[in-house]
Amino acid sequence: MTNPAGNPARCLAGIVIYHPPFAALQSLVSSLADDVSTVAIYANSPVSGEQQQALEEAAGSAELMILRPGLNRGLGAAYNAFCHLAKARDSEFLLLLDQDSTPEPGMAAALMATHRRLASCGEKPAIVGPQPIAPEGKKMRLAIAARAGQDEPLRTRFVISSGSLIRLSALAAIGDFRSDYFIDAIDIEWCLRAVAAGYSIWVDPAVPMPHRLGQGVIRLPLGLLLTNQPPRRLYTYIRNQLAMLRLRHVPARHKIKFLVSLPVRLAVYLAHHRFSSDCVAALANGLRDGVLGRMGPPDRALIPVWRLGRNSRATAPRIASDAAATPQRLS
């Protein structure tokens, strides 16, 4: 797949990195070169001058920018930096990517075409994602069920952020990503907020992209699967999902499903991690901070609960509900 116009569209591709395999990063940048006008890299780890030069060569005619925040501010902050940079570049679209994303050349152009086709049919697409493919080659189930073999775009509740293409005009209306979530559920919350604002979320089965969830999956009876995550990620997952229960734009079905599944998730993760002290602390702190609305970096994720102290929450950023929790819109 290639850009049918032969020219890069007004699209900024944003890649978040943290000590990536450099050859893989070069390949990723090269795969985007013909389809986007700008490739921006949010570097949570150092990028040398020699590496930057190699990446500029890989980007070809596309502009390459390296954003150096100085410390790891999380995915939400990185996505928001891309959002504001895309607006400054008068981009029409923003493509979000992880350092381990492996899009085929032409993926961005194909997703832009899908966006425009949906809009021409009277839809209000905020975001279109590729069909994520698990390591074993199977399609991940994200969208509303479709007939076998159907390659038409499918409406869904949310898409995985890696590989997703956002229309800037929709982003301006919906608002920024939740930087206080740091990592986990950022894409879910934004998509649910978009739907509540009258926009739609889509996945295009005709545009595949390999994707690996966490450290793989934990297989349960009856074919059920849970994403395998290290303890620090279990903390942010539990905390952020609990924080989402306060938000009016999160559907009751989503809240009920999470609450019903929570005891099973806790039991499975504890057993899978053999009740390690890190896992116990991460889950306990995730429950506590999610209930209290303590957000931000997962600095306390692995500290035993009894060592946190009664006044520890005083210095923590908190969320209340809805209005106070809604990110500001782009202006």
Protein backbone atom coordinates (compact mmCIF):
# COMPACT_ATOMS: atom_id res chain seq x y z
CA MET A 1 0.00 0.00 0.00
CA THR A 2 1.33 3.41 -0.90
CA ASN A 3 0.07 6.94 -0.76
CA PRO A 4 -2.07 7.20 -3.93
CA ALA A 5 -1.22 10.86 -4.38
CA GLY A 6 2.51 10.14 -4.21
CA ASN A 7 2.96 12.94 -1.69
CA PRO A 8 3.09 12.85 2.10
CA ALA A 9 -0.19 13.91 3.66
CA ARG A 10 -0.58 16.48 6.43
CA CYS A 11 0.00 13.82 9.04
CA LEU A 12 2.36 13.77 12.00
CA ALA A 13 3.52 10.36 13.19
CA GLY A 14 4.49 10.31 16.86
CA ILE A 15 6.67 7.52 18.30
CA VAL A 16 7.28 7.09 22.03
CA ILE A 17 10.61 5.40 22.83
CA TYR A 18 12.48 4.11 25.85
CA HIS A 19 15.82 2.38 25.11
CA PRO A 20 14.53 0.87 21.84
CA PRO A 21 16.46 -1.57 19.63
CA PHE A 22 17.87 1.05 17.29
CA ALA A 23 17.65 -1.02 14.09
CA ALA A 24 13.94 -1.59 14.75
CA LEU A 25 13.40 2.15 15.33
CA GLN A 26 15.18 2.96 12.06
CA SER A 27 12.97 0.49 10.23
CA LEU A 28 9.84 2.00 11.79
CA VAL A 29 10.81 5.52 10.76
CA SER A 30 11.63 4.32 7.25
CA SER A 31 8.21 2.64 6.91
CA LEU A 32 6.53 6.01 7.55
CA ALA A 33 8.70 8.17 5.33
CA ASP A 34 6.50 8.21 2.22
CA ASP A 35 3.16 8.69 3.98
CA VAL A 36 3.59 11.44 6.57
CA SER A 37 4.94 14.96 6.59
CA THR A 38 6.56 14.79 10.05
CA VAL A 39 7.96 12.02 12.25
CA ALA A 40 8.27 13.10 15.89
CA ILE A 41 10.07 10.93 18.45
CA TYR A 42 9.35 11.43 22.14
CA ALA A 43 12.62 10.24 23.66
CA ASN A 44 12.29 8.96 27.20
CA SER A 45 15.88 7.73 26.83
CA PRO A 46 18.89 9.43 25.20
CA VAL A 47 19.26 9.71 21.42
CA SER A 48 22.81 10.50 20.32
CA GLY A 49 23.70 12.88 17.52
CA GLU A 50 24.86 9.96 15.38
CA GLN A 51 21.57 8.14 15.96
CA GLN A 52 19.57 11.27 15.14
CA GLN A 53 21.43 11.62 11.85
CA ALA A 54 20.66 8.00 10.97
CA LEU A 55 16.99 8.55 11.80
CA GLU A 56 16.89 11.68 9.64
CA GLU A 57 18.21 9.64 6.73
CA ALA A 58 15.57 6.96 7.40
CA ALA A 59 12.84 9.62 7.40
CA GLY A 60 13.69 10.66 3.84
CA SER A 61 11.72 13.74 2.82
CA ALA A 62 9.65 13.72 6.02
CA GLU A 63 10.67 16.15 8.74
CA LEU A 64 12.21 14.40 11.76
CA MET A 65 11.90 15.90 15.24
CA ILE A 66 13.30 14.57 18.52
CA LEU A 67 11.42 15.67 21.65
CA ARG A 68 13.54 15.33 24.79
CA PRO A 69 11.39 15.74 27.93
CA GLY A 70 14.33 15.10 30.29
CA LEU A 71 12.45 12.49 32.32
CA ASN A 72 9.77 9.88 31.78
CA ARG A 73 6.47 11.76 31.96
CA GLY A 74 4.34 8.86 30.75
CA LEU A 75 2.37 8.07 27.60
CA GLY A 76 -0.38 10.63 28.16
CA ALA A 77 2.12 13.49 28.31
CA ALA A 78 3.89 12.16 25.21
CA TYR A 79 0.62 11.90 23.26
CA ASN A 80 -0.34 15.44 24.27
CA ALA A 81 3.04 16.74 23.14
CA PHE A 82 2.39 15.13 19.75
CA CYS A 83 -1.11 16.64 19.67
CA HIS A 84 0.12 20.18 20.19
CA LEU A 85 3.01 19.71 17.76
CA ALA A 86 0.62 18.37 15.11
CA LYS A 87 -1.61 21.40 15.57
CA ALA A 88 1.39 23.72 15.26
CA ARG A 89 2.31 21.93 12.01
CA ASP A 90 -1.27 22.40 10.69
CA SER A 91 -1.60 18.63 10.41
CA GLU A 92 -4.90 16.99 9.52
CA PHE A 93 -4.06 13.72 11.26
CA LEU A 94 -1.93 12.36 14.10
CA LEU A 95 -0.63 8.77 13.99
CA LEU A 96 0.38 7.29 17.38
CA LEU A 97 3.02 4.56 17.53
CA ASP A 98 5.04 2.64 20.10
CA GLN A 99 8.72 1.82 19.54
CA ASP A 100 7.79 -1.81 18.86
CA SER A 101 5.06 -0.98 16.34
CA THR A 102 5.63 -2.65 12.98
CA PRO A 103 3.36 -0.99 10.41
CA GLU A 104 3.68 -1.90 6.77
CA PRO A 105 4.61 0.97 4.43
CA GLY A 106 1.39 2.65 3.42
CA MET A 107 -0.51 1.93 6.63
CA ALA A 108 -0.90 5.62 7.47
CA ALA A 109 -2.19 6.39 3.97
CA ALA A 110 -4.68 3.51 4.16
CA LEU A 111 -6.04 4.68 7.52
CA MET A 112 -6.34 8.26 6.24
CA ALA A 113 -8.33 6.97 3.29
CA THR A 114 -10.62 5.08 5.67
CA HIS A 115 -11.13 8.22 7.76
CA ARG A 116 -12.16 10.21 4.69
CA ARG A 117 -14.41 7.44 3.38
CA LEU A 118 -16.24 7.21 6.70
CA ALA A 119 -16.66 10.99 6.83
CA SER A 120 -18.05 11.03 3.28
CA CYS A 121 -20.67 8.48 4.43
CA GLY A 122 -21.88 10.84 7.15
CA GLU A 123 -19.94 9.34 10.06
CA LYS A 124 -17.92 11.38 12.60
CA PRO A 125 -14.78 9.26 13.02
CA ALA A 126 -12.46 10.48 15.76
CA ILE A 127 -9.96 7.68 15.42
CA VAL A 128 -9.34 4.70 13.14
CA GLY A 129 -7.00 1.91 14.16
CA PRO A 130 -5.48 -0.99 12.24
CA GLN A 131 -6.50 -4.57 12.97
CA PRO A 132 -4.09 -5.70 15.72
CA ILE A 133 -2.59 -9.12 15.07
CA ALA A 134 -1.39 -11.22 18.01
CA PRO A 135 2.08 -12.85 17.88
CA GLU A 136 0.51 -16.21 17.00
CA GLY A 137 -1.07 -14.58 13.93
CA LYS A 138 -4.67 -14.32 15.15
CA LYS A 139 -6.73 -11.14 14.97
CA MET A 140 -7.35 -9.52 18.34
CA ARG A 141 -11.04 -8.99 19.03
CA LEU A 142 -11.74 -5.29 19.51
CA ALA A 143 -14.62 -4.47 17.25
CA ILE A 144 -18.26 -5.38 17.01
CA ALA A 145 -18.50 -8.87 15.51
CA ALA A 146 -18.56 -9.01 11.73
CA ARG A 147 -19.24 -11.67 9.12
CA ALA A 148 -16.30 -13.93 8.29
CA GLY A 149 -14.09 -12.41 5.65
CA GLN A 150 -15.56 -8.92 5.98
CA ASP A 151 -12.94 -6.21 5.40
CA GLU A 152 -15.14 -3.16 5.85
CA PRO A 153 -14.35 -0.76 8.75
CA LEU A 154 -15.98 -1.82 12.00
CA ARG A 155 -17.33 0.42 14.74
CA THR A 156 -15.83 -0.35 18.16
CA ARG A 157 -15.70 0.98 21.72
CA PHE A 158 -11.98 1.71 21.66
CA VAL A 159 -8.79 1.00 19.75
CA ILE A 160 -5.27 0.30 20.98
CA SER A 161 -3.27 3.52 20.80
CA SER A 162 -0.37 1.94 18.89
CA GLY A 163 -1.07 2.44 15.19
CA SER A 164 -4.19 4.56 15.69
CA LEU A 165 -4.89 7.57 13.49
CA ILE A 166 -6.65 10.58 15.01
CA ARG A 167 -8.29 13.47 13.16
CA LEU A 168 -7.04 16.75 14.64
CA SER A 169 -10.42 18.48 14.37
CA ALA A 170 -11.95 15.73 16.53
CA LEU A 171 -9.08 15.96 19.00
CA ALA A 172 -9.69 19.68 19.43
CA ALA A 173 -13.31 18.98 20.37
CA ILE A 174 -12.71 15.93 22.58
CA GLY A 175 -9.65 17.17 24.50
CA ASP A 176 -6.21 15.98 25.47
CA PHE A 177 -5.22 12.56 26.74
CA ARG A 178 -5.09 11.88 30.46
CA SER A 179 -1.48 12.58 31.41
CA ASP A 180 -2.26 11.82 35.09
CA TYR A 181 -2.93 8.17 34.16
CA PHE A 182 0.75 7.95 33.13
CA ILE A 183 0.24 4.59 31.35
CA ASP A 184 -2.64 2.09 30.94
CA ALA A 185 -6.28 2.83 30.02
CA ILE A 186 -5.32 6.18 28.47
CA ASP A 187 -6.57 5.07 25.06
CA ILE A 188 -9.73 3.50 26.52
CA GLU A 189 -10.72 6.62 28.46
CA TRP A 190 -10.12 8.93 25.48
CA CYS A 191 -12.15 6.72 23.12
CA LEU A 192 -15.05 6.51 25.57
CA ARG A 193 -14.93 10.29 25.96
CA ALA A 194 -14.97 10.66 22.18
CA VAL A 195 -18.08 8.47 21.87
CA ALA A 196 -19.80 10.48 24.61
CA ALA A 197 -19.03 13.64 22.61
CA GLY A 198 -20.80 12.23 19.53
CA TYR A 199 -17.80 10.83 17.64
CA SER A 200 -17.22 7.25 16.53
CA ILE A 201 -14.29 4.83 16.92
CA TRP A 202 -13.30 2.40 14.16
CA VAL A 203 -10.95 -0.44 13.36
CA ASP A 204 -10.08 -1.35 9.76
CA PRO A 205 -9.72 -5.14 9.31
CA ALA A 206 -8.14 -4.55 5.89
CA VAL A 207 -5.15 -2.84 7.55
CA PRO A 208 -3.33 -5.33 9.81
CA MET A 209 -0.54 -4.51 12.24
CA PRO A 210 1.21 -6.98 14.58
CA HIS A 211 0.84 -6.06 18.24
CA ARG A 212 1.95 -7.67 21.49
CA LEU A 213 0.02 -6.98 24.68
CA GLY A 214 2.31 -6.59 27.71
CA GLN A 215 4.46 -9.67 28.32
CA GLY A 216 2.00 -11.96 26.58
CA VAL A 217 -1.22 -13.50 27.87
CA ILE A 218 -2.35 -15.65 30.78
CA ARG A 219 -4.65 -18.38 29.50
CA LEU A 220 -7.62 -19.31 31.69
CA PRO A 221 -10.29 -22.02 31.41
CA LEU A 222 -13.09 -21.56 28.85
CA GLY A 223 -10.71 -19.74 26.51
CA LEU A 224 -10.48 -16.59 28.66
CA LEU A 225 -7.31 -14.51 28.42
CA LEU A 226 -5.71 -11.89 30.66
CA THR A 227 -2.80 -9.68 29.66
CA ASN A 228 0.36 -10.63 31.51
CA GLN A 229 1.97 -7.51 32.99
CA PRO A 230 4.82 -6.83 35.44
CA PRO A 231 3.74 -5.63 38.91
CA ARG A 232 4.25 -1.90 38.21
CA ARG A 233 1.88 -2.13 35.24
CA LEU A 234 -0.64 -4.08 37.31
CA TYR A 235 -0.66 -1.11 39.68
CA THR A 236 -1.47 1.46 36.98
CA TYR A 237 -4.03 -0.83 35.33
CA ILE A 238 -6.00 -1.41 38.56
CA ARG A 239 -5.65 2.20 39.71
CA ASN A 240 -6.70 3.79 36.42
CA GLN A 241 -9.64 1.47 35.83
CA LEU A 242 -10.93 2.26 39.33
CA ALA A 243 -10.45 5.99 38.67
CA MET A 244 -12.56 5.66 35.51
CA LEU A 245 -15.53 4.54 37.61
CA ARG A 246 -15.97 8.18 38.68
CA LEU A 247 -16.44 9.46 35.14
CA ARG A 248 -19.95 9.95 33.77
CA HIS A 249 -18.86 9.41 30.17
CA VAL A 250 -17.69 5.87 30.98
CA PRO A 251 -20.68 3.57 30.24
CA ALA A 252 -22.25 1.60 33.08
CA ARG A 253 -21.59 -1.61 31.12
CA HIS A 254 -17.84 -0.95 31.20
CA LYS A 255 -17.90 -0.19 34.93
CA ILE A 256 -19.93 -3.28 35.79
CA LYS A 257 -17.75 -5.53 33.63
CA PHE A 258 -14.61 -4.30 35.36
CA LEU A 259 -16.04 -4.61 38.87
CA VAL A 260 -17.37 -8.12 38.23
CA SER A 261 -14.04 -9.26 36.77
CA LEU A 262 -11.87 -7.54 39.39
CA PRO A 263 -11.83 -10.35 42.00
CA VAL A 264 -10.92 -12.88 39.30
CA ARG A 265 -8.16 -10.63 37.95
CA LEU A 266 -6.69 -10.10 41.40
CA ALA A 267 -6.71 -13.83 42.15
CA VAL A 268 -5.17 -14.76 38.79
CA TYR A 269 -2.42 -12.14 38.99
CA LEU A 270 -1.52 -13.10 42.55
CA ALA A 271 -1.34 -16.79 41.64
CA HIS A 272 0.57 -16.11 38.40
CA HIS A 273 3.17 -14.02 40.26
CA ARG A 274 3.29 -16.59 43.09
CA PHE A 275 2.16 -13.99 45.63
CA SER A 276 5.45 -12.12 45.25
CA SER A 277 5.87 -9.10 47.52
CA ASP A 278 6.02 -6.79 44.49
CA CYS A 279 2.75 -8.14 43.08
CA VAL A 280 0.96 -7.94 46.43
CA ALA A 281 2.15 -4.35 46.96
CA ALA A 282 1.27 -3.31 43.39
CA LEU A 283 -2.27 -4.65 43.57
CA ALA A 284 -2.90 -3.32 47.08
CA ASN A 285 -1.57 0.13 46.18
CA GLY A 286 -3.50 0.13 42.91
CA LEU A 287 -6.73 -0.58 44.79
CA ARG A 288 -5.97 2.04 47.44
CA ASP A 289 -4.87 4.80 45.06
CA GLY A 290 -7.66 4.07 42.60
CA VAL A 291 -10.28 4.44 45.34
CA LEU A 292 -8.60 7.60 46.71
CA GLY A 293 -8.09 9.06 43.24
CA ARG A 294 -4.34 9.32 43.64
CA MET A 295 -2.90 9.59 40.15
CA GLY A 296 0.44 10.44 38.54
CA PRO A 297 3.65 8.41 38.07
CA PRO A 298 3.68 4.94 39.65
CA ASP A 299 6.37 5.91 42.15
CA ARG A 300 4.68 4.14 45.06
CA ALA A 301 3.55 1.05 43.18
CA LEU A 302 5.89 -1.41 44.88
CA ILE A 303 6.12 0.13 48.35
CA PRO A 304 4.47 -2.11 50.98
CA VAL A 305 1.17 -0.53 52.03
CA TRP A 306 2.10 -0.47 55.73
CA ARG A 307 5.12 1.72 54.93
CA LEU A 308 3.25 4.42 53.04
CA GLY A 309 2.09 6.41 56.05
CA ARG A 310 -1.23 8.04 56.69
CA ASN A 311 -0.30 11.41 55.23
CA SER A 312 1.24 10.17 51.98
CA ARG A 313 -1.82 11.04 49.94
CA ALA A 314 -1.50 14.74 50.83
CA THR A 315 1.28 15.25 48.30
CA ALA A 316 -0.39 13.20 45.59
CA PRO A 317 -2.28 14.63 42.60
CA ARG A 318 -5.92 13.58 42.87
CA ILE A 319 -8.96 13.49 40.68
CA ALA A 320 -12.46 14.15 41.92
CA SER A 321 -14.97 13.51 39.14
CA ASP A 322 -16.06 14.57 35.68
CA ALA A 323 -15.50 18.32 35.41
CA ALA A 324 -12.30 18.38 37.44
CA ALA A 325 -11.08 15.26 35.67
CA THR A 326 -11.76 16.40 32.11
CA PRO A 327 -8.57 17.39 30.26
CA GLN A 328 -8.45 20.81 28.69
CA ARG A 329 -9.23 21.10 25.03
CA LEU A 330 -6.71 22.26 22.49
CA SER A 331 -7.00 25.98 21.91
